C-alpha atoms as a PDB file:
ATOM      1  CA  ARG A   1       0.019  -0.010  -0.040  1.00  0.00           C
ATOM      2  CA  ILE A   2       2.819   2.442   0.805  1.00  0.00           C
ATOM      3  CA  LYS A   3       5.253   1.165  -1.837  1.00  0.00           C
ATOM      4  CA  PRO A   4       4.216   3.680  -4.521  1.00  0.00           C
ATOM      5  CA  HIS A   5       5.277   6.548  -2.161  1.00  0.00           C
ATOM      6  CA  ILE A   6       8.616   5.131  -1.164  1.00  0.00           C
ATOM      7  CA  ALA A   7      10.409   6.166  -4.323  1.00  0.00           C
ATOM      8  CA  THR A   8       9.194   9.701  -4.038  1.00  0.00           C
ATOM      9  CA  ILE A   9       9.640  10.287  -0.310  1.00  0.00           C
ATOM     10  CA  GLN A  10      12.636   8.012   0.123  1.00  0.00           C
ATOM     11  CA  PRO A  11      11.921   7.221   3.821  1.00  0.00           C
ATOM     12  CA  SER A  12      14.282   5.325   6.070  1.00  0.00           C
ATOM     13  CA  PHE A  13      13.618   1.672   6.952  1.00  0.00           C
ATOM     14  CA  PHE A  14      12.405   2.814  10.402  1.00  0.00           C
ATOM     15  CA  GLU A  15       9.960   5.381   8.838  1.00  0.00           C
ATOM     16  CA  ILE A  16       8.597   2.633   6.489  1.00  0.00           C
ATOM     17  CA  THR A  17       7.971   0.250   9.333  1.00  0.00           C
ATOM     18  CA  VAL A  18       6.388   2.930  11.480  1.00  0.00           C
ATOM     19  CA  ALA A  19       3.915   3.757   8.720  1.00  0.00           C
ATOM     20  CA  MET A  20       3.156   0.034   8.316  1.00  0.00           C
ATOM     21  CA  ALA A  21       2.750  -0.455  12.108  1.00  0.00           C
ATOM     22  CA  PHE A  22       0.407   2.535  12.431  1.00  0.00           C
ATOM     23  CA  GLN A  23      -1.720   1.243   9.496  1.00  0.00           C
ATOM     24  CA  TYR A  24      -1.950  -2.194  11.121  1.00  0.00           C
ATOM     25  CA  PHE A  25      -2.870  -0.784  14.563  1.00  0.00           C
ATOM     26  CA  ALA A  26      -5.649   1.297  12.981  1.00  0.00           C
ATOM     27  CA  GLU A  27      -6.970  -1.730  11.154  1.00  0.00           C
ATOM     28  CA  GLU A  28      -6.935  -3.884  14.289  1.00  0.00           C
ATOM     29  CA  GLU A  29      -8.572  -1.088  16.336  1.00  0.00           C
ATOM     30  CA  VAL A  30      -6.113  -1.576  19.182  1.00  0.00           C
ATOM     31  CA  ASP A  31      -7.211  -0.308  22.554  1.00  0.00           C
ATOM     32  CA  ILE A  32      -3.856   1.055  23.686  1.00  0.00           C
ATOM     33  CA  ALA A  33      -0.578   1.289  21.722  1.00  0.00           C
ATOM     34  CA  VAL A  34       2.719   1.997  23.500  1.00  0.00           C
ATOM     35  CA  ILE A  35       4.812   3.748  20.865  1.00  0.00           C
ATOM     36  CA  GLU A  36       8.593   4.255  21.462  1.00  0.00           C
ATOM     37  CA  THR A  37      10.526   6.793  19.494  1.00  0.00           C
ATOM     38  CA  GLY A  38      13.293   5.510  17.286  1.00  0.00           C
ATOM     39  CA  MET A  39      15.720   8.255  18.221  1.00  0.00           C
ATOM     40  CA  GLY A  40      15.317  11.528  20.032  1.00  0.00           C
ATOM     41  CA  GLY A  41      11.661  12.516  19.624  1.00  0.00           C
ATOM     42  CA  ARG A  42      11.170  15.920  18.095  1.00  0.00           C
ATOM     43  CA  LEU A  43      11.916  14.901  14.554  1.00  0.00           C
ATOM     44  CA  ASP A  44      11.103  11.255  14.992  1.00  0.00           C
ATOM     45  CA  SER A  45       8.551   9.643  12.662  1.00  0.00           C
ATOM     46  CA  THR A  46       6.528   8.412  15.610  1.00  0.00           C
ATOM     47  CA  ASN A  47       5.974  12.061  16.674  1.00  0.00           C
ATOM     48  CA  ILE A  48       3.026  12.532  14.377  1.00  0.00           C
ATOM     49  CA  LEU A  49       0.781  10.982  16.997  1.00  0.00           C
ATOM     50  CA  GLN A  50      -1.454  12.808  19.515  1.00  0.00           C
ATOM     51  CA  PRO A  51      -1.015  10.541  22.529  1.00  0.00           C
ATOM     52  CA  LEU A  52      -2.980  10.117  25.761  1.00  0.00           C
ATOM     53  CA  LEU A  53       0.262  10.507  27.696  1.00  0.00           C
ATOM     54  CA  SER A  54       3.965  11.186  26.923  1.00  0.00           C
ATOM     55  CA  VAL A  55       6.730   9.386  28.860  1.00  0.00           C
ATOM     56  CA  ILE A  56      10.496  10.214  28.844  1.00  0.00           C
ATOM     57  CA  THR A  57      12.370   7.682  30.781  1.00  0.00           C
ATOM     58  CA  ASN A  58      15.807   9.283  31.109  1.00  0.00           C
ATOM     59  CA  VAL A  59      18.459  11.167  29.260  1.00  0.00           C
ATOM     60  CA  GLY A  60      21.934   9.835  28.469  1.00  0.00           C
ATOM     61  CA  PHE A  61      24.659  10.482  25.924  1.00  0.00           C
ATOM     62  CA  ASP A  62      23.707   8.453  22.879  1.00  0.00           C
ATOM     63  CA  HIS A  63      23.319   9.252  19.182  1.00  0.00           C
ATOM     64  CA  GLN A  64      25.209  12.498  19.770  1.00  0.00           C
ATOM     65  CA  GLN A  65      25.869  13.050  16.148  1.00  0.00           C
ATOM     66  CA  TYR A  66      22.247  13.602  15.615  1.00  0.00           C
ATOM     67  CA  LEU A  67      20.825  14.742  19.020  1.00  0.00           C
ATOM     68  CA  GLY A  68      23.617  17.059  20.409  1.00  0.00           C
ATOM     69  CA  ASP A  69      26.685  16.876  22.537  1.00  0.00           C
ATOM     70  CA  THR A  70      25.180  18.057  25.830  1.00  0.00           C
ATOM     71  CA  LEU A  71      22.388  16.716  28.050  1.00  0.00           C
ATOM     72  CA  PRO A  72      20.263  19.882  27.608  1.00  0.00           C
ATOM     73  CA  GLU A  73      20.520  19.534  23.861  1.00  0.00           C
ATOM     74  CA  ILE A  74      19.558  15.876  23.917  1.00  0.00           C
ATOM     75  CA  ALA A  75      16.683  16.712  26.405  1.00  0.00           C
ATOM     76  CA  PHE A  76      15.357  19.283  24.004  1.00  0.00           C
ATOM     77  CA  GLU A  77      15.122  16.639  21.221  1.00  0.00           C
ATOM     78  CA  LYS A  78      13.346  14.284  23.595  1.00  0.00           C
ATOM     79  CA  ALA A  79      11.106  16.999  24.950  1.00  0.00           C
ATOM     80  CA  GLY A  80       9.739  17.379  21.382  1.00  0.00           C
ATOM     81  CA  ILE A  81       7.213  14.590  22.133  1.00  0.00           C
ATOM     82  CA  ILE A  82       5.429  16.786  24.795  1.00  0.00           C
ATOM     83  CA  LYS A  83       2.165  17.735  23.258  1.00  0.00           C
ATOM     84  CA  PRO A  84      -0.094  20.744  24.199  1.00  0.00           C
ATOM     85  CA  GLY A  85      -2.277  19.965  27.093  1.00  0.00           C
ATOM     86  CA  THR A  86      -1.121  16.349  27.315  1.00  0.00           C
ATOM     87  CA  PRO A  87       0.486  15.211  30.589  1.00  0.00           C
ATOM     88  CA  VAL A  88       4.072  14.014  30.473  1.00  0.00           C
ATOM     89  CA  VAL A  89       5.816  11.648  32.899  1.00  0.00           C
ATOM     90  CA  ILE A  90       9.570  12.071  33.298  1.00  0.00           C
ATOM     91  CA  GLY A  91      11.460   9.032  34.757  1.00  0.00           C
ATOM     92  CA  GLU A  92      14.328  10.797  36.505  1.00  0.00           C
ATOM     93  CA  THR A  93      14.949  14.283  37.855  1.00  0.00           C
ATOM     94  CA  HIS A  94      18.339  15.613  36.642  1.00  0.00           C
ATOM     95  CA  GLU A  95      19.537  19.133  37.122  1.00  0.00           C
ATOM     96  CA  ASP A  96      20.864  19.388  33.580  1.00  0.00           C
ATOM     97  CA  THR A  97      17.624  18.266  31.859  1.00  0.00           C
ATOM     98  CA  ALA A  98      14.789  19.230  34.238  1.00  0.00           C
ATOM     99  CA  PRO A  99      14.773  22.960  33.163  1.00  0.00           C
ATOM    100  CA  THR A 100      14.335  22.002  29.471  1.00  0.00           C
ATOM    101  CA  PHE A 101      11.462  19.609  30.270  1.00  0.00           C
ATOM    102  CA  ASP A 102       9.833  22.154  32.623  1.00  0.00           C
ATOM    103  CA  ASP A 103      10.085  24.919  30.058  1.00  0.00           C
ATOM    104  CA  MET A 104       8.690  22.822  27.252  1.00  0.00           C
ATOM    105  CA  ALA A 105       5.787  21.610  29.410  1.00  0.00           C
ATOM    106  CA  PHE A 106       5.039  25.082  30.682  1.00  0.00           C
ATOM    107  CA  GLY A 107       5.030  26.545  27.143  1.00  0.00           C
ATOM    108  CA  ARG A 108       2.642  23.882  25.992  1.00  0.00           C
ATOM    109  CA  GLN A 109       0.531  23.890  29.080  1.00  0.00           C
ATOM    110  CA  SER A 110       1.246  20.230  29.760  1.00  0.00           C
ATOM    111  CA  PRO A 111       1.049  18.787  33.221  1.00  0.00           C
ATOM    112  CA  ILE A 112       4.556  17.370  34.139  1.00  0.00           C
ATOM    113  CA  LEU A 113       5.341  14.816  36.742  1.00  0.00           C
ATOM    114  CA  TYR A 114       8.665  13.331  37.753  1.00  0.00           C
ATOM    115  CA  ALA A 115       8.386   9.576  38.763  1.00  0.00           C
ATOM    116  CA  ASP A 116      11.272   9.651  41.272  1.00  0.00           C
ATOM    117  CA  GLN A 117       9.477  12.613  43.066  1.00  0.00           C
ATOM    118  CA  GLU A 118       5.997  11.122  42.962  1.00  0.00           C
ATOM    119  CA  ILE A 119       6.713   7.500  43.994  1.00  0.00           C
ATOM    120  CA  ARG A 120       8.679   6.056  46.915  1.00  0.00           C
ATOM    121  CA  VAL A 121      10.280   2.658  46.326  1.00  0.00           C
ATOM    122  CA  ALA A 122      12.638   0.334  48.237  1.00  0.00           C
ATOM    123  CA  VAL A 123      14.068  -3.076  47.257  1.00  0.00           C
ATOM    124  CA  VAL A 124      13.142  -5.456  50.062  1.00  0.00           C
ATOM    125  CA  ASN A 125      14.410  -8.679  48.489  1.00  0.00           C
ATOM    126  CA  ARG A 126      16.652  -9.490  45.523  1.00  0.00           C
ATOM    127  CA  THR A 127      17.614 -12.607  43.460  1.00  0.00           C
ATOM    128  CA  LEU A 128      19.270 -12.900  40.080  1.00  0.00           C
ATOM    129  CA  SER A 129      15.845 -13.135  38.467  1.00  0.00           C
ATOM    130  CA  GLU A 130      13.390 -11.124  40.733  1.00  0.00           C
ATOM    131  CA  LEU A 131      13.189  -7.945  42.818  1.00  0.00           C
ATOM    132  CA  THR A 132      10.543  -7.509  45.560  1.00  0.00           C
ATOM    133  CA  LEU A 133       9.766  -3.787  45.926  1.00  0.00           C
ATOM    134  CA  ALA A 134       7.949  -1.810  48.574  1.00  0.00           C
ATOM    135  CA  ILE A 135       6.040   0.859  46.736  1.00  0.00           C
ATOM    136  CA  ASP A 136       4.214   4.051  47.869  1.00  0.00           C
ATOM    137  CA  ALA A 137       2.405   5.171  44.700  1.00  0.00           C
ATOM    138  CA  PRO A 138      -0.637   7.419  43.735  1.00  0.00           C
ATOM    139  CA  LEU A 139      -2.795   4.527  42.583  1.00  0.00           C
ATOM    140  CA  PRO A 140      -6.528   3.817  43.137  1.00  0.00           C
ATOM    141  CA  TYR A 141      -5.690   0.609  44.817  1.00  0.00           C
ATOM    142  CA  ASP A 142      -2.978  -0.669  47.268  1.00  0.00           C
ATOM    143  CA  VAL A 143       0.115  -2.079  45.698  1.00  0.00           C
ATOM    144  CA  SER A 144       2.480  -1.636  48.692  1.00  0.00           C
ATOM    145  CA  GLN A 145       4.582  -4.583  47.539  1.00  0.00           C
ATOM    146  CA  VAL A 146       5.186  -5.788  43.957  1.00  0.00           C
ATOM    147  CA  VAL A 147       7.474  -8.436  42.399  1.00  0.00           C
ATOM    148  CA  LEU A 148       9.382  -7.274  39.469  1.00  0.00           C
ATOM    149  CA  GLY A 149      10.427 -10.076  37.087  1.00  0.00           C
ATOM    150  CA  THR A 150      14.075  -9.168  36.713  1.00  0.00           C
ATOM    151  CA  GLY A 151      17.089  -9.104  38.869  1.00  0.00           C
ATOM    152  CA  ALA A 152      18.405  -5.956  37.264  1.00  0.00           C
ATOM    153  CA  ALA A 153      18.484  -3.073  39.798  1.00  0.00           C
ATOM    154  CA  TYR A 154      18.339  -0.476  37.082  1.00  0.00           C
ATOM    155  CA  GLN A 155      14.902  -1.704  36.105  1.00  0.00           C
ATOM    156  CA  VAL A 156      13.475  -0.398  39.347  1.00  0.00           C
ATOM    157  CA  ARG A 157      13.491   3.131  37.899  1.00  0.00           C
ATOM    158  CA  ASN A 158      11.731   1.941  34.843  1.00  0.00           C
ATOM    159  CA  ALA A 159       9.142   0.182  36.970  1.00  0.00           C
ATOM    160  CA  VAL A 160       8.491   3.364  38.975  1.00  0.00           C
ATOM    161  CA  THR A 161       8.149   5.360  35.648  1.00  0.00           C
ATOM    162  CA  SER A 162       5.712   2.718  34.388  1.00  0.00           C
ATOM    163  CA  ILE A 163       3.606   2.711  37.516  1.00  0.00           C
ATOM    164  CA  LEU A 164       3.251   6.564  37.420  1.00  0.00           C
ATOM    165  CA  ALA A 165       2.370   6.439  33.740  1.00  0.00           C
ATOM    166  CA  LEU A 166      -0.338   3.834  34.521  1.00  0.00           C
ATOM    167  CA  SER A 167      -1.703   6.004  37.326  1.00  0.00           C
ATOM    168  CA  GLN A 168      -2.003   8.925  34.815  1.00  0.00           C
ATOM    169  CA  LEU A 169      -3.844   6.718  32.330  1.00  0.00           C
ATOM    170  CA  MET A 170      -6.185   5.598  34.991  1.00  0.00           C
ATOM    171  CA  GLU A 171      -7.009   9.230  35.827  1.00  0.00           C
ATOM    172  CA  ARG A 172      -8.044   9.467  32.187  1.00  0.00           C
ATOM    173  CA  ASP A 173     -10.569   6.624  32.471  1.00  0.00           C
ATOM    174  CA  VAL A 174      -8.296   3.902  31.188  1.00  0.00           C
ATOM    175  CA  SER A 175      -9.206   0.699  33.110  1.00  0.00           C
ATOM    176  CA  ILE A 176      -6.072  -1.067  34.410  1.00  0.00           C
ATOM    177  CA  PRO A 177      -7.064  -3.614  37.163  1.00  0.00           C
ATOM    178  CA  LYS A 178      -4.729  -4.231  40.038  1.00  0.00           C
ATOM    179  CA  GLN A 179      -4.038  -7.876  39.043  1.00  0.00           C
ATOM    180  CA  ALA A 180      -3.122  -6.791  35.496  1.00  0.00           C
ATOM    181  CA  LEU A 181      -0.641  -4.302  36.946  1.00  0.00           C
ATOM    182  CA  LEU A 182       0.967  -6.874  39.208  1.00  0.00           C
ATOM    183  CA  ARG A 183       1.011  -9.578  36.514  1.00  0.00           C
ATOM    184  CA  GLY A 184       2.563  -7.189  34.051  1.00  0.00           C
ATOM    185  CA  LEU A 185       5.390  -6.240  36.374  1.00  0.00           C
ATOM    186  CA  HIS A 186       5.994  -9.774  37.464  1.00  0.00           C
ATOM    187  CA  HIS A 187       5.851 -11.480  34.056  1.00  0.00           C
ATOM    188  CA  PHE A 188       6.844  -8.697  31.726  1.00  0.00           C
ATOM    189  CA  LYS A 189       9.738 -10.769  30.232  1.00  0.00           C
ATOM    190  CA  ARG A 190       7.473 -13.524  29.091  1.00  0.00           C
ATOM    191  CA  ILE A 191       4.548 -11.337  28.193  1.00  0.00           C
ATOM    192  CA  GLY A 192       6.703  -8.924  26.185  1.00  0.00           C
ATOM    193  CA  GLN A 193       9.167 -11.506  24.880  1.00  0.00           C
ATOM    194  CA  PHE A 194      11.698  -9.258  26.619  1.00  0.00           C
ATOM    195  CA  ILE A 195      15.201 -10.624  26.174  1.00  0.00           C
ATOM    196  CA  GLY A 196      18.864  -9.485  26.280  1.00  0.00           C
ATOM    197  CA  ARG A 197      18.494  -7.246  29.394  1.00  0.00           C
ATOM    198  CA  TRP A 198      20.190  -8.766  32.516  1.00  0.00           C
ATOM    199  CA  GLN A 199      19.671 -12.193  31.008  1.00  0.00           C
ATOM    200  CA  VAL A 200      21.409 -15.042  32.901  1.00  0.00           C
ATOM    201  CA  LEU A 201      22.506 -17.470  30.177  1.00  0.00           C
ATOM    202  CA  GLN A 202      24.195 -19.848  32.638  1.00  0.00           C
ATOM    203  CA  GLU A 203      23.850 -19.688  36.448  1.00  0.00           C
ATOM    204  CA  LYS A 204      27.141 -21.274  37.521  1.00  0.00           C
ATOM    205  CA  HIS A 205      30.400 -23.015  36.514  1.00  0.00           C
ATOM    206  CA  PRO A 206      30.919 -20.176  35.460  1.00  0.00           C
ATOM    207  CA  MET A 207      27.989 -17.758  35.541  1.00  0.00           C
ATOM    208  CA  ILE A 208      27.308 -16.161  32.237  1.00  0.00           C
ATOM    209  CA  LEU A 209      25.255 -13.023  32.081  1.00  0.00           C
ATOM    210  CA  THR A 210      24.470 -10.642  29.225  1.00  0.00           C
ATOM    211  CA  ASP A 211      22.974  -7.169  28.957  1.00  0.00           C
ATOM    212  CA  CYS A 212      22.577  -4.970  25.995  1.00  0.00           C
ATOM    213  CA  ALA A 213      23.399  -1.625  27.747  1.00  0.00           C
ATOM    214  CA  HIS A 214      24.952   0.345  24.771  1.00  0.00           C
ATOM    215  CA  ASN A 215      25.700   3.736  26.365  1.00  0.00           C
ATOM    216  CA  PRO A 216      27.869   4.776  29.355  1.00  0.00           C
ATOM    217  CA  GLU A 217      24.748   5.586  31.426  1.00  0.00           C
ATOM    218  CA  GLY A 218      23.363   2.018  31.065  1.00  0.00           C
ATOM    219  CA  LEU A 219      26.803   0.322  31.368  1.00  0.00           C
ATOM    220  CA  VAL A 220      27.682   1.967  34.731  1.00  0.00           C
ATOM    221  CA  HIS A 221      24.600   0.523  36.419  1.00  0.00           C
ATOM    222  CA  VAL A 222      25.318  -2.996  35.060  1.00  0.00           C
ATOM    223  CA  MET A 223      28.960  -2.916  36.133  1.00  0.00           C
ATOM    224  CA  GLU A 224      27.947  -1.806  39.685  1.00  0.00           C
ATOM    225  CA  GLN A 225      25.565  -4.706  40.008  1.00  0.00           C
ATOM    226  CA  LEU A 226      28.133  -7.258  38.679  1.00  0.00           C
ATOM    227  CA  GLU A 227      30.461  -6.180  41.439  1.00  0.00           C
ATOM    228  CA  GLU A 228      27.776  -7.137  44.023  1.00  0.00           C
ATOM    229  CA  ILE A 229      27.651 -10.796  42.763  1.00  0.00           C
ATOM    230  CA  ASP A 230      30.127 -13.145  44.344  1.00  0.00           C
ATOM    231  CA  HIS A 231      32.753 -14.202  41.794  1.00  0.00           C
ATOM    232  CA  ASP A 232      36.531 -14.474  41.325  1.00  0.00           C
ATOM    233  CA  ARG A 233      37.630 -13.122  37.948  1.00  0.00           C
ATOM    234  CA  LEU A 234      35.463 -11.251  35.552  1.00  0.00           C
ATOM    235  CA  HIS A 235      35.677 -12.103  31.798  1.00  0.00           C
ATOM    236  CA  ILE A 236      34.051  -9.599  29.467  1.00  0.00           C
ATOM    237  CA  VAL A 237      33.089 -10.425  25.894  1.00  0.00           C
ATOM    238  CA  PHE A 238      32.832  -6.997  24.321  1.00  0.00           C
ATOM    239  CA  GLY A 239      31.933  -5.553  20.906  1.00  0.00           C
ATOM    240  CA  THR A 240      30.327  -2.432  19.668  1.00  0.00           C
ATOM    241  CA  VAL A 241      29.320  -0.473  16.632  1.00  0.00           C
ATOM    242  CA  SER A 242      31.528   2.069  14.866  1.00  0.00           C
ATOM    243  CA  ASP A 243      29.707   5.296  15.869  1.00  0.00           C
ATOM    244  CA  LYS A 244      30.235   5.072  19.577  1.00  0.00           C
ATOM    245  CA  LYS A 245      32.559   7.430  21.561  1.00  0.00           C
ATOM    246  CA  LEU A 246      34.765   4.617  23.098  1.00  0.00           C
ATOM    247  CA  LYS A 247      36.447   6.638  25.730  1.00  0.00           C
ATOM    248  CA  SER A 248      33.172   7.248  27.581  1.00  0.00           C
ATOM    249  CA  PHE A 249      32.577   3.473  27.487  1.00  0.00           C
ATOM    250  CA  PHE A 250      35.944   2.448  28.702  1.00  0.00           C
ATOM    251  CA  VAL A 251      35.730   4.728  31.752  1.00  0.00           C
ATOM    252  CA  GLU A 252      32.885   2.533  33.012  1.00  0.00           C
ATOM    253  CA  LEU A 253      34.691  -0.762  32.432  1.00  0.00           C
ATOM    254  CA  PRO A 254      36.895  -2.443  35.087  1.00  0.00           C
ATOM    255  CA  GLN A 255      40.664  -2.582  34.284  1.00  0.00           C
ATOM    256  CA  THR A 256      40.926  -5.820  36.293  1.00  0.00           C
ATOM    257  CA  ALA A 257      38.614  -7.799  33.918  1.00  0.00           C
ATOM    258  CA  ILE A 258      39.928 -10.031  31.142  1.00  0.00           C
ATOM    259  CA  TYR A 259      38.576  -8.931  27.832  1.00  0.00           C
ATOM    260  CA  TYR A 260      37.660 -10.735  24.608  1.00  0.00           C
ATOM    261  CA  PHE A 261      37.136  -8.201  21.852  1.00  0.00           C
ATOM    262  CA  CYS A 262      34.864  -9.027  18.848  1.00  0.00           C
ATOM    263  CA  ARG A 263      32.901  -7.362  16.143  1.00  0.00           C
ATOM    264  CA  PRO A 264      29.094  -7.886  15.814  1.00  0.00           C
ATOM    265  CA  ASP A 265      28.100  -9.338  12.484  1.00  0.00           C
ATOM    266  CA  ILE A 266      26.554  -6.170  10.965  1.00  0.00           C
ATOM    267  CA  PRO A 267      27.898  -3.528   8.570  1.00  0.00           C
ATOM    268  CA  ARG A 268      28.102  -0.986  11.410  1.00  0.00           C
ATOM    269  CA  GLY A 269      30.208  -3.239  13.592  1.00  0.00           C
ATOM    270  CA  LEU A 270      33.569  -1.885  14.758  1.00  0.00           C
ATOM    271  CA  ALA A 271      36.466  -4.099  13.840  1.00  0.00           C
ATOM    272  CA  ALA A 272      37.733  -6.110  16.835  1.00  0.00           C
ATOM    273  CA  ASP A 273      41.336  -5.119  16.346  1.00  0.00           C
ATOM    274  CA  ALA A 274      40.442  -1.391  16.294  1.00  0.00           C
ATOM    275  CA  LEU A 275      38.372  -1.912  19.397  1.00  0.00           C
ATOM    276  CA  ALA A 276      41.174  -3.650  21.168  1.00  0.00           C
ATOM    277  CA  LYS A 277      43.733  -0.884  20.278  1.00  0.00           C
ATOM    278  CA  ALA A 278      41.515   1.768  21.680  1.00  0.00           C
ATOM    279  CA  ALA A 279      40.810  -0.288  24.810  1.00  0.00           C
ATOM    280  CA  ARG A 280      44.553  -0.787  25.406  1.00  0.00           C
ATOM    281  CA  GLN A 281      45.026   3.025  25.435  1.00  0.00           C
ATOM    282  CA  ALA A 282      42.483   3.080  28.215  1.00  0.00           C
ATOM    283  CA  GLY A 283      44.181   0.432  30.239  1.00  0.00           C
ATOM    284  CA  LEU A 284      41.995  -2.460  29.203  1.00  0.00           C
ATOM    285  CA  THR A 285      43.694  -5.619  27.983  1.00  0.00           C
ATOM    286  CA  GLY A 286      42.474  -8.741  26.259  1.00  0.00           C
ATOM    287  CA  THR A 287      42.528 -10.835  23.067  1.00  0.00           C
ATOM    288  CA  VAL A 288      40.992 -10.223  19.655  1.00  0.00           C
ATOM    289  CA  HIS A 289      38.483 -12.730  18.129  1.00  0.00           C
ATOM    290  CA  GLY A 290      36.960 -13.199  14.810  1.00  0.00           C
ATOM    291  CA  SER A 291      33.383 -13.351  15.847  1.00  0.00           C
ATOM    292  CA  VAL A 292      31.222 -12.956  18.884  1.00  0.00           C
ATOM    293  CA  GLN A 293      30.866 -16.744  19.236  1.00  0.00           C
ATOM    294  CA  ASP A 294      34.618 -17.261  19.029  1.00  0.00           C
ATOM    295  CA  ALA A 295      35.083 -14.698  21.810  1.00  0.00           C
ATOM    296  CA  LEU A 296      32.501 -16.322  23.984  1.00  0.00           C
ATOM    297  CA  THR A 297      34.081 -19.803  23.440  1.00  0.00           C
ATOM    298  CA  ALA A 298      37.498 -18.458  24.419  1.00  0.00           C
ATOM    299  CA  ALA A 299      36.026 -16.830  27.539  1.00  0.00           C
ATOM    300  CA  LYS A 300      34.323 -20.129  28.499  1.00  0.00           C
ATOM    301  CA  ALA A 301      37.632 -22.021  27.951  1.00  0.00           C
ATOM    302  CA  ALA A 302      39.652 -19.578  30.145  1.00  0.00           C
ATOM    303  CA  ALA A 303      37.108 -19.157  32.964  1.00  0.00           C
ATOM    304  CA  GLN A 304      37.251 -21.007  36.223  1.00  0.00           C
ATOM    305  CA  PRO A 305      34.098 -22.385  37.857  1.00  0.00           C
ATOM    306  CA  ASN A 306      33.723 -19.344  40.222  1.00  0.00           C
ATOM    307  CA  ASP A 307      34.428 -16.812  37.635  1.00  0.00           C
ATOM    308  CA  MET A 308      31.882 -14.679  35.829  1.00  0.00           C
ATOM    309  CA  ILE A 309      31.441 -14.033  32.046  1.00  0.00           C
ATOM    310  CA  TYR A 310      29.645 -10.819  30.931  1.00  0.00           C
ATOM    311  CA  VAL A 311      28.697 -10.413  27.323  1.00  0.00           C
ATOM    312  CA  GLY A 312      27.862  -6.828  26.204  1.00  0.00           C
ATOM    313  CA  GLY A 313      28.712  -3.550  24.591  1.00  0.00           C
ATOM    314  CA  SER A 314      26.086  -3.687  21.849  1.00  0.00           C
ATOM    315  CA  ILE A 315      22.491  -4.904  21.318  1.00  0.00           C
ATOM    316  CA  PHE A 316      23.872  -6.793  18.251  1.00  0.00           C
ATOM    317  CA  VAL A 317      26.582  -8.627  20.289  1.00  0.00           C
ATOM    318  CA  VAL A 318      23.915  -9.698  22.782  1.00  0.00           C
ATOM    319  CA  ALA A 319      21.540 -10.719  19.965  1.00  0.00           C
ATOM    320  CA  GLU A 320      24.078 -13.132  18.534  1.00  0.00           C
ATOM    321  CA  VAL A 321      24.589 -14.837  21.861  1.00  0.00           C
ATOM    322  CA  VAL A 322      20.890 -14.975  22.794  1.00  0.00           C
ATOM    323  CA  GLU A 323      19.979 -16.300  19.289  1.00  0.00           C
ATOM    324  CA  VAL A 324      22.457 -19.255  19.571  1.00  0.00           C
ATOM    325  CA  GLN A 325      21.302 -20.051  23.054  1.00  0.00           C
ATOM    326  CA  SER A 326      17.594 -20.141  21.956  1.00  0.00           C
ATOM    327  CA  SER A 327      18.225 -22.163  18.799  1.00  0.00           C
END
């Protein structure tokens, strides 16, 4: 249906699939659609919608060649999804970005709420695969304790943002029963086919864990939590794409780890030897491998039973590992 327009407009792959998705959602008459921007927000192809609610989870340094080199510049691009008179939920309060969000919301007369100010949360129990949270939230029913179906501590902030977003939808007569909220938080990985984030591929001898954090803000939280897990040596299978600012990555990676550098099998993948060279300049040492699977095989061969192997650096690296495990 849209093919005749492609030659004239010359849209990107993402823009084509967004148009196809919106057409499908309209035909299926979906009740609620959760639409995530591809990049930024202001100029993103998803931004033609008039939503019930806008949500901005957090702001980090990513896609800087398009979005800007400072957090306020990136926040301005993300704030472009704030619509006149439509509420917006912000996941985290940050002194560098809050003024941008506040100004945009004020100018468009949009109610603005910060999740970390509206909801109190504490982790009362933690395993590798689940977090039990004590919650104080503005909901029409009591959810003082919820079980989040992941062991990733960084997902607590996303859960809080989600709960506040749901509370705002309920104020606009969207029916979300308590059991649906609790089930969604507990089983979101299965329901949403959510993979590659804090995914334990092997629990022991050695533990193998993967996460597709692909910017410094995501990586720092993963590294902090890895340190809390009992292990001897840390082995890191690491690859990335060619448009990343590597120095900001390397600052968050431990110099005591053993590295296995690789290139994800996509055109944008950064050559493993170039990655290793840049890493050595930052004090990270390791070996170069011809593929992600070769790197993981080498890490498994070198690791002792009480060691830990972490696979990351790029969504594409994680995808190759998860795909092999599930096949």
